[in-house]
């Protein structure tokens, strides 16, 4: 028989950071969030496209001069 509470008193090496969604203290089980609710809110933002990496469009002049048949 194993004692499930034995690992509950283990202290992390790093200081706890606040939840990235609501700023409450984060919980190890849902790191870097404080709860499953905040983790699900973050996942929803990823899935609906709220988070995106900005892209810099190049101007068309450089692309107009491009010839794929010429090896540089």
PDB file of N, CA and C in Angstrom:
ATOM      1  N   UNK A   1       0.848  -1.182   0.000  1.00  0.00           N
ATOM      2  CA  UNK A   1       0.000   0.000   0.000  1.00  0.00           C
ATOM      3  C   UNK A   1       0.893   1.244   0.000  1.00  0.00           C
ATOM      4  N   UNK A   2       0.617   2.200  -0.887  1.00  0.00           N
ATOM      5  CA  UNK A   2       1.435   3.407  -0.982  1.00  0.00           C
ATOM      6  C   UNK A   2       0.702   4.582  -0.369  1.00  0.00           C
ATOM      7  N   UNK A   3       1.481   5.483   0.169  1.00  0.00           N
ATOM      8  CA  UNK A   3       0.924   6.685   0.787  1.00  0.00           C
ATOM      9  C   UNK A   3       0.910   7.801  -0.253  1.00  0.00           C
ATOM     10  N   UNK A   4      -0.267   8.196  -0.699  1.00  0.00           N
ATOM     11  CA  UNK A   4      -0.394   9.226  -1.728  1.00  0.00           C
ATOM     12  C   UNK A   4      -0.059  10.612  -1.207  1.00  0.00           C
ATOM     13  N   UNK A   5      -0.103  10.812   0.078  1.00  0.00           N
ATOM     14  CA  UNK A   5       0.173  12.136   0.636  1.00  0.00           C
ATOM     15  C   UNK A   5       1.665  12.384   0.814  1.00  0.00           C
ATOM     16  N   UNK A   6       2.505  11.382   0.577  1.00  0.00           N
ATOM     17  CA  UNK A   6       3.944  11.545   0.798  1.00  0.00           C
ATOM     18  C   UNK A   6       4.543  12.618  -0.097  1.00  0.00           C
ATOM     19  N   UNK A   7       4.092  12.747  -1.341  1.00  0.00           N
ATOM     20  CA  UNK A   7       4.635  13.738  -2.265  1.00  0.00           C
ATOM     21  C   UNK A   7       4.029  15.112  -2.118  1.00  0.00           C
ATOM     22  N   UNK A   8       3.022  15.272  -1.283  1.00  0.00           N
ATOM     23  CA  UNK A   8       2.333  16.554  -1.179  1.00  0.00           C
ATOM     24  C   UNK A   8       3.146  17.603  -0.436  1.00  0.00           C
ATOM     25  N   UNK A   9       4.166  17.187   0.316  1.00  0.00           N
ATOM     26  CA  UNK A   9       4.953  18.168   1.055  1.00  0.00           C
ATOM     27  C   UNK A   9       6.273  18.489   0.364  1.00  0.00           C
ATOM     28  N   UNK A  10       6.408  18.129  -0.908  1.00  0.00           N
ATOM     29  CA  UNK A  10       7.613  18.425  -1.674  1.00  0.00           C
ATOM     30  C   UNK A  10       7.551  19.884  -2.119  1.00  0.00           C
ATOM     31  N   UNK A  11       8.631  20.609  -1.920  1.00  0.00           N
ATOM     32  CA  UNK A  11       8.711  22.015  -2.304  1.00  0.00           C
ATOM     33  C   UNK A  11       9.486  22.144  -3.603  1.00  0.00           C
ATOM     34  N   UNK A  12       8.965  22.923  -4.539  1.00  0.00           N
ATOM     35  CA  UNK A  12       9.635  23.153  -5.806  1.00  0.00           C
ATOM     36  C   UNK A  12      10.886  23.993  -5.628  1.00  0.00           C
ATOM     37  N   UNK A  13      11.786  23.917  -6.594  1.00  0.00           N
ATOM     38  CA  UNK A  13      13.020  24.689  -6.528  1.00  0.00           C
ATOM     39  C   UNK A  13      12.819  26.145  -6.914  1.00  0.00           C
ATOM     40  N   UNK A  14      11.834  26.403  -7.724  1.00  0.00           N
ATOM     41  CA  UNK A  14      11.564  27.771  -8.173  1.00  0.00           C
ATOM     42  C   UNK A  14      10.393  28.361  -7.400  1.00  0.00           C
ATOM     43  N   UNK A  15      10.398  29.665  -7.290  1.00  0.00           N
ATOM     44  CA  UNK A  15       9.275  30.352  -6.659  1.00  0.00           C
ATOM     45  C   UNK A  15       8.059  30.251  -7.572  1.00  0.00           C
ATOM     46  N   UNK A  16       6.899  30.117  -6.993  1.00  0.00           N
ATOM     47  CA  UNK A  16       5.670  30.005  -7.763  1.00  0.00           C
ATOM     48  C   UNK A  16       5.358  31.335  -8.455  1.00  0.00           C
ATOM     49  N   UNK A  17       4.958  31.263  -9.704  1.00  0.00           N
ATOM     50  CA  UNK A  17       4.576  32.463 -10.449  1.00  0.00           C
ATOM     51  C   UNK A  17       3.061  32.540 -10.492  1.00  0.00           C
ATOM     52  N   UNK A  18       2.513  33.726 -10.701  1.00  0.00           N
ATOM     53  CA  UNK A  18       1.061  33.846 -10.759  1.00  0.00           C
ATOM     54  C   UNK A  18       0.492  33.219 -12.037  1.00  0.00           C
ATOM     55  N   UNK A  19      -0.763  32.852 -11.962  1.00  0.00           N
ATOM     56  CA  UNK A  19      -1.491  32.302 -13.102  1.00  0.00           C
ATOM     57  C   UNK A  19      -1.436  33.301 -14.256  1.00  0.00           C
ATOM     58  N   UNK A  20      -1.175  32.804 -15.458  1.00  0.00           N
ATOM     59  CA  UNK A  20      -1.055  33.694 -16.604  1.00  0.00           C
ATOM     60  C   UNK A  20      -2.398  34.230 -17.079  1.00  0.00           C
ATOM     61  N   UNK A  21      -3.492  33.675 -16.586  1.00  0.00           N
ATOM     62  CA  UNK A  21      -4.811  34.153 -16.984  1.00  0.00           C
ATOM     63  C   UNK A  21      -5.412  35.135 -15.976  1.00  0.00           C
ATOM     64  N   UNK A  22      -5.309  34.803 -14.669  1.00  0.00           N
ATOM     65  CA  UNK A  22      -6.020  35.611 -13.671  1.00  0.00           C
ATOM     66  C   UNK A  22      -5.131  36.187 -12.574  1.00  0.00           C
ATOM     67  N   UNK A  23      -3.826  35.886 -12.600  1.00  0.00           N
ATOM     68  CA  UNK A  23      -2.846  36.406 -11.644  1.00  0.00           C
ATOM     69  C   UNK A  23      -2.940  35.812 -10.235  1.00  0.00           C
ATOM     70  N   UNK A  24      -3.807  34.804 -10.010  1.00  0.00           N
ATOM     71  CA  UNK A  24      -3.821  34.104  -8.725  1.00  0.00           C
ATOM     72  C   UNK A  24      -2.581  33.215  -8.669  1.00  0.00           C
ATOM     73  N   UNK A  25      -2.187  32.750  -7.486  1.00  0.00           N
ATOM     74  CA  UNK A  25      -1.021  31.853  -7.414  1.00  0.00           C
ATOM     75  C   UNK A  25      -1.248  30.581  -8.235  1.00  0.00           C
ATOM     76  N   UNK A  26      -0.249  30.182  -9.008  1.00  0.00           N
ATOM     77  CA  UNK A  26      -0.389  28.978  -9.826  1.00  0.00           C
ATOM     78  C   UNK A  26      -0.321  27.738  -8.946  1.00  0.00           C
ATOM     79  N   UNK A  27      -0.874  26.644  -9.468  1.00  0.00           N
ATOM     80  CA  UNK A  27      -0.917  25.370  -8.765  1.00  0.00           C
ATOM     81  C   UNK A  27      -0.118  24.369  -9.578  1.00  0.00           C
ATOM     82  N   UNK A  28       0.688  23.549  -8.907  1.00  0.00           N
ATOM     83  CA  UNK A  28       1.566  22.604  -9.593  1.00  0.00           C
ATOM     84  C   UNK A  28       0.794  21.707 -10.563  1.00  0.00           C
ATOM     85  N   UNK A  29      -0.374  21.252 -10.197  1.00  0.00           N
ATOM     86  CA  UNK A  29      -1.142  20.332 -11.045  1.00  0.00           C
ATOM     87  C   UNK A  29      -1.578  20.974 -12.361  1.00  0.00           C
ATOM     88  N   UNK A  30      -1.724  22.299 -12.395  1.00  0.00           N
ATOM     89  CA  UNK A  30      -2.200  23.001 -13.599  1.00  0.00           C
ATOM     90  C   UNK A  30      -1.194  24.030 -14.095  1.00  0.00           C
ATOM     91  N   UNK A  31       0.056  23.926 -13.680  1.00  0.00           N
ATOM     92  CA  UNK A  31       1.093  24.906 -14.019  1.00  0.00           C
ATOM     93  C   UNK A  31       1.104  25.209 -15.517  1.00  0.00           C
ATOM     94  N   UNK A  32       1.129  26.442 -15.933  1.00  0.00           N
ATOM     95  CA  UNK A  32       1.308  27.691 -15.192  1.00  0.00           C
ATOM     96  C   UNK A  32       0.000  28.361 -14.795  1.00  0.00           C
ATOM     97  N   UNK A  33      -1.044  27.588 -14.645  1.00  0.00           N
ATOM     98  CA  UNK A  33      -2.362  28.124 -14.310  1.00  0.00           C
ATOM     99  C   UNK A  33      -2.724  27.813 -12.863  1.00  0.00           C
ATOM    100  N   UNK A  34      -3.791  28.445 -12.371  1.00  0.00           N
ATOM    101  CA  UNK A  34      -4.236  28.211 -11.000  1.00  0.00           C
ATOM    102  C   UNK A  34      -5.300  27.120 -10.929  1.00  0.00           C
ATOM    103  N   UNK A  35      -5.938  26.827 -12.071  1.00  0.00           N
ATOM    104  CA  UNK A  35      -7.032  25.856 -12.067  1.00  0.00           C
ATOM    105  C   UNK A  35      -7.255  25.313 -13.476  1.00  0.00           C
ATOM    106  N   UNK A  36      -8.061  24.271 -13.558  1.00  0.00           N
ATOM    107  CA  UNK A  36      -8.428  23.715 -14.857  1.00  0.00           C
ATOM    108  C   UNK A  36      -9.223  24.741 -15.657  1.00  0.00           C
ATOM    109  N   UNK A  37     -10.006  25.535 -14.985  1.00  0.00           N
ATOM    110  CA  UNK A  37     -10.800  26.569 -15.660  1.00  0.00           C
ATOM    111  C   UNK A  37      -9.897  27.536 -16.433  1.00  0.00           C
ATOM    112  N   UNK A  38      -8.851  28.041 -15.782  1.00  0.00           N
ATOM    113  CA  UNK A  38      -7.945  28.969 -16.458  1.00  0.00           C
ATOM    114  C   UNK A  38      -7.178  28.274 -17.578  1.00  0.00           C
ATOM    115  N   UNK A  39      -6.794  27.014 -17.370  1.00  0.00           N
ATOM    116  CA  UNK A  39      -6.117  26.261 -18.428  1.00  0.00           C
ATOM    117  C   UNK A  39      -7.031  26.100 -19.632  1.00  0.00           C
ATOM    118  N   UNK A  40      -8.319  25.824 -19.394  1.00  0.00           N
ATOM    119  CA  UNK A  40      -9.283  25.675 -20.488  1.00  0.00           C
ATOM    120  C   UNK A  40      -9.536  27.002 -21.203  1.00  0.00           C
ATOM    121  N   UNK A  41      -9.549  28.105 -20.464  1.00  0.00           N
ATOM    122  CA  UNK A  41      -9.704  29.420 -21.096  1.00  0.00           C
ATOM    123  C   UNK A  41      -8.547  29.699 -22.047  1.00  0.00           C
ATOM    124  N   UNK A  42      -7.331  29.374 -21.617  1.00  0.00           N
ATOM    125  CA  UNK A  42      -6.154  29.570 -22.455  1.00  0.00           C
ATOM    126  C   UNK A  42      -6.217  28.679 -23.699  1.00  0.00           C
ATOM    127  N   UNK A  43      -6.599  27.425 -23.528  1.00  0.00           N
ATOM    128  CA  UNK A  43      -6.741  26.513 -24.663  1.00  0.00           C
ATOM    129  C   UNK A  43      -7.765  27.048 -25.659  1.00  0.00           C
ATOM    130  N   UNK A  44      -8.865  27.591 -25.151  1.00  0.00           N
ATOM    131  CA  UNK A  44      -9.883  28.174 -26.023  1.00  0.00           C
ATOM    132  C   UNK A  44      -9.338  29.324 -26.849  1.00  0.00           C
ATOM    133  N   UNK A  45      -8.476  30.135 -26.267  1.00  0.00           N
ATOM    134  CA  UNK A  45      -7.870  31.235 -27.023  1.00  0.00           C
ATOM    135  C   UNK A  45      -6.981  30.716 -28.147  1.00  0.00           C
ATOM    136  N   UNK A  46      -6.240  29.626 -27.875  1.00  0.00           N
ATOM    137  CA  UNK A  46      -5.415  29.032 -28.928  1.00  0.00           C
ATOM    138  C   UNK A  46      -6.290  28.467 -30.033  1.00  0.00           C
ATOM    139  N   UNK A  47      -7.369  27.783 -29.661  1.00  0.00           N
ATOM    140  CA  UNK A  47      -8.204  27.113 -30.653  1.00  0.00           C
ATOM    141  C   UNK A  47      -9.013  28.075 -31.515  1.00  0.00           C
ATOM    142  N   UNK A  48      -9.411  29.227 -30.962  1.00  0.00           N
ATOM    143  CA  UNK A  48     -10.198  30.162 -31.778  1.00  0.00           C
ATOM    144  C   UNK A  48      -9.338  31.179 -32.513  1.00  0.00           C
ATOM    145  N   UNK A  49      -8.008  31.091 -32.362  1.00  0.00           N
ATOM    146  CA  UNK A  49      -7.110  31.957 -33.118  1.00  0.00           C
ATOM    147  C   UNK A  49      -6.804  33.291 -32.474  1.00  0.00           C
ATOM    148  N   UNK A  50      -7.126  33.460 -31.184  1.00  0.00           N
ATOM    149  CA  UNK A  50      -6.811  34.723 -30.511  1.00  0.00           C
ATOM    150  C   UNK A  50      -5.306  34.935 -30.379  1.00  0.00           C
ATOM    151  N   UNK A  51      -4.570  33.852 -30.210  1.00  0.00           N
ATOM    152  CA  UNK A  51      -3.119  33.939 -30.164  1.00  0.00           C
ATOM    153  C   UNK A  51      -2.588  33.676 -31.564  1.00  0.00           C
ATOM    154  N   UNK A  52      -1.729  34.550 -32.041  1.00  0.00           N
ATOM    155  CA  UNK A  52      -1.150  34.374 -33.371  1.00  0.00           C
ATOM    156  C   UNK A  52       0.237  35.012 -33.394  1.00  0.00           C
ATOM    157  N   UNK A  53       1.094  34.462 -34.197  1.00  0.00           N
ATOM    158  CA  UNK A  53       2.425  35.015 -34.380  1.00  0.00           C
ATOM    159  C   UNK A  53       2.344  36.047 -35.492  1.00  0.00           C
ATOM    160  N   UNK A  54       2.745  37.301 -35.220  1.00  0.00           N
ATOM    161  CA  UNK A  54       2.651  38.328 -36.250  1.00  0.00           C
ATOM    162  C   UNK A  54       3.580  38.023 -37.431  1.00  0.00           C
ATOM    163  N   UNK A  55       3.088  38.291 -38.631  1.00  0.00           N
ATOM    164  CA  UNK A  55       3.861  38.043 -39.846  1.00  0.00           C
ATOM    165  C   UNK A  55       4.075  39.367 -40.552  1.00  0.00           C
ATOM    166  N   UNK A  56       5.302  39.602 -40.997  1.00  0.00           N
ATOM    167  CA  UNK A  56       5.611  40.812 -41.754  1.00  0.00           C
ATOM    168  C   UNK A  56       5.558  40.441 -43.229  1.00  0.00           C
ATOM    169  N   UNK A  57       4.661  41.057 -43.941  1.00  0.00           N
ATOM    170  CA  UNK A  57       4.512  40.808 -45.375  1.00  0.00           C
ATOM    171  C   UNK A  57       5.611  41.544 -46.133  1.00  0.00           C
ATOM    172  N   UNK A  58       6.217  40.872 -47.089  1.00  0.00           N
ATOM    173  CA  UNK A  58       7.210  41.531 -47.933  1.00  0.00           C
ATOM    174  C   UNK A  58       6.477  42.246 -49.061  1.00  0.00           C
ATOM    175  N   UNK A  59       7.079  43.346 -49.529  1.00  0.00           N
ATOM    176  CA  UNK A  59       6.427  44.085 -50.609  1.00  0.00           C
ATOM    177  C   UNK A  59       6.495  43.287 -51.914  1.00  0.00           C
ATOM    178  N   UNK A  60       5.564  43.509 -52.808  1.00  0.00           N
ATOM    179  CA  UNK A  60       5.452  42.758 -54.053  1.00  0.00           C
ATOM    180  C   UNK A  60       6.591  42.975 -55.023  1.00  0.00           C
ATOM    181  N   UNK A  61       7.348  44.078 -54.907  1.00  0.00           N
ATOM    182  CA  UNK A  61       8.441  44.369 -55.841  1.00  0.00           C
ATOM    183  C   UNK A  61       9.520  43.296 -55.772  1.00  0.00           C
ATOM    184  N   UNK A  62       9.869  42.860 -54.620  1.00  0.00           N
ATOM    185  CA  UNK A  62      10.890  41.831 -54.484  1.00  0.00           C
ATOM    186  C   UNK A  62      10.383  40.507 -55.049  1.00  0.00           C
ATOM    187  N   UNK A  63       9.127  40.190 -54.842  1.00  0.00           N
ATOM    188  CA  UNK A  63       8.576  38.927 -55.320  1.00  0.00           C
ATOM    189  C   UNK A  63       8.363  38.949 -56.836  1.00  0.00           C
ATOM    190  N   UNK A  64       8.124  40.116 -57.434  1.00  0.00           N
ATOM    191  CA  UNK A  64       7.903  40.213 -58.869  1.00  0.00           C
ATOM    192  C   UNK A  64       9.180  39.894 -59.644  1.00  0.00           C
ATOM    193  N   UNK A  65      10.346  40.169 -59.055  1.00  0.00           N
ATOM    194  CA  UNK A  65      11.623  39.902 -59.711  1.00  0.00           C
ATOM    195  C   UNK A  65      12.082  38.459 -59.546  1.00  0.00           C
ATOM    196  N   UNK A  66      11.385  37.670 -58.790  1.00  0.00           N
ATOM    197  CA  UNK A  66      11.801  36.309 -58.505  1.00  0.00           C
ATOM    198  C   UNK A  66      11.511  35.391 -59.689  1.00  0.00           C
ATOM    199  N   UNK A  67      12.519  34.637 -60.114  1.00  0.00           N
ATOM    200  CA  UNK A  67      12.357  33.658 -61.193  1.00  0.00           C
ATOM    201  C   UNK A  67      12.800  32.301 -60.653  1.00  0.00           C
ATOM    202  N   UNK A  68      11.881  31.362 -60.431  1.00  0.00           N
ATOM    203  CA  UNK A  68      12.239  30.078 -59.831  1.00  0.00           C
ATOM    204  C   UNK A  68      13.124  29.211 -60.740  1.00  0.00           C
ATOM    205  N   UNK A  69      13.240  29.544 -62.025  1.00  0.00           N
ATOM    206  CA  UNK A  69      14.056  28.753 -62.954  1.00  0.00           C
ATOM    207  C   UNK A  69      15.526  29.112 -62.905  1.00  0.00           C
ATOM    208  N   UNK A  70      15.864  30.232 -62.254  1.00  0.00           N
ATOM    209  CA  UNK A  70      17.261  30.673 -62.163  1.00  0.00           C
ATOM    210  C   UNK A  70      17.833  30.191 -60.834  1.00  0.00           C
ATOM    211  N   UNK A  71      18.961  29.445 -60.920  1.00  0.00           N
ATOM    212  CA  UNK A  71      19.651  29.006 -59.705  1.00  0.00           C
ATOM    213  C   UNK A  71      20.664  30.070 -59.329  1.00  0.00           C
ATOM    214  N   UNK A  72      20.644  30.455 -58.052  1.00  0.00           N
ATOM    215  CA  UNK A  72      21.594  31.464 -57.586  1.00  0.00           C
ATOM    216  C   UNK A  72      22.790  30.827 -56.979  1.00  0.00           C
TER     217      UNK A  72
END
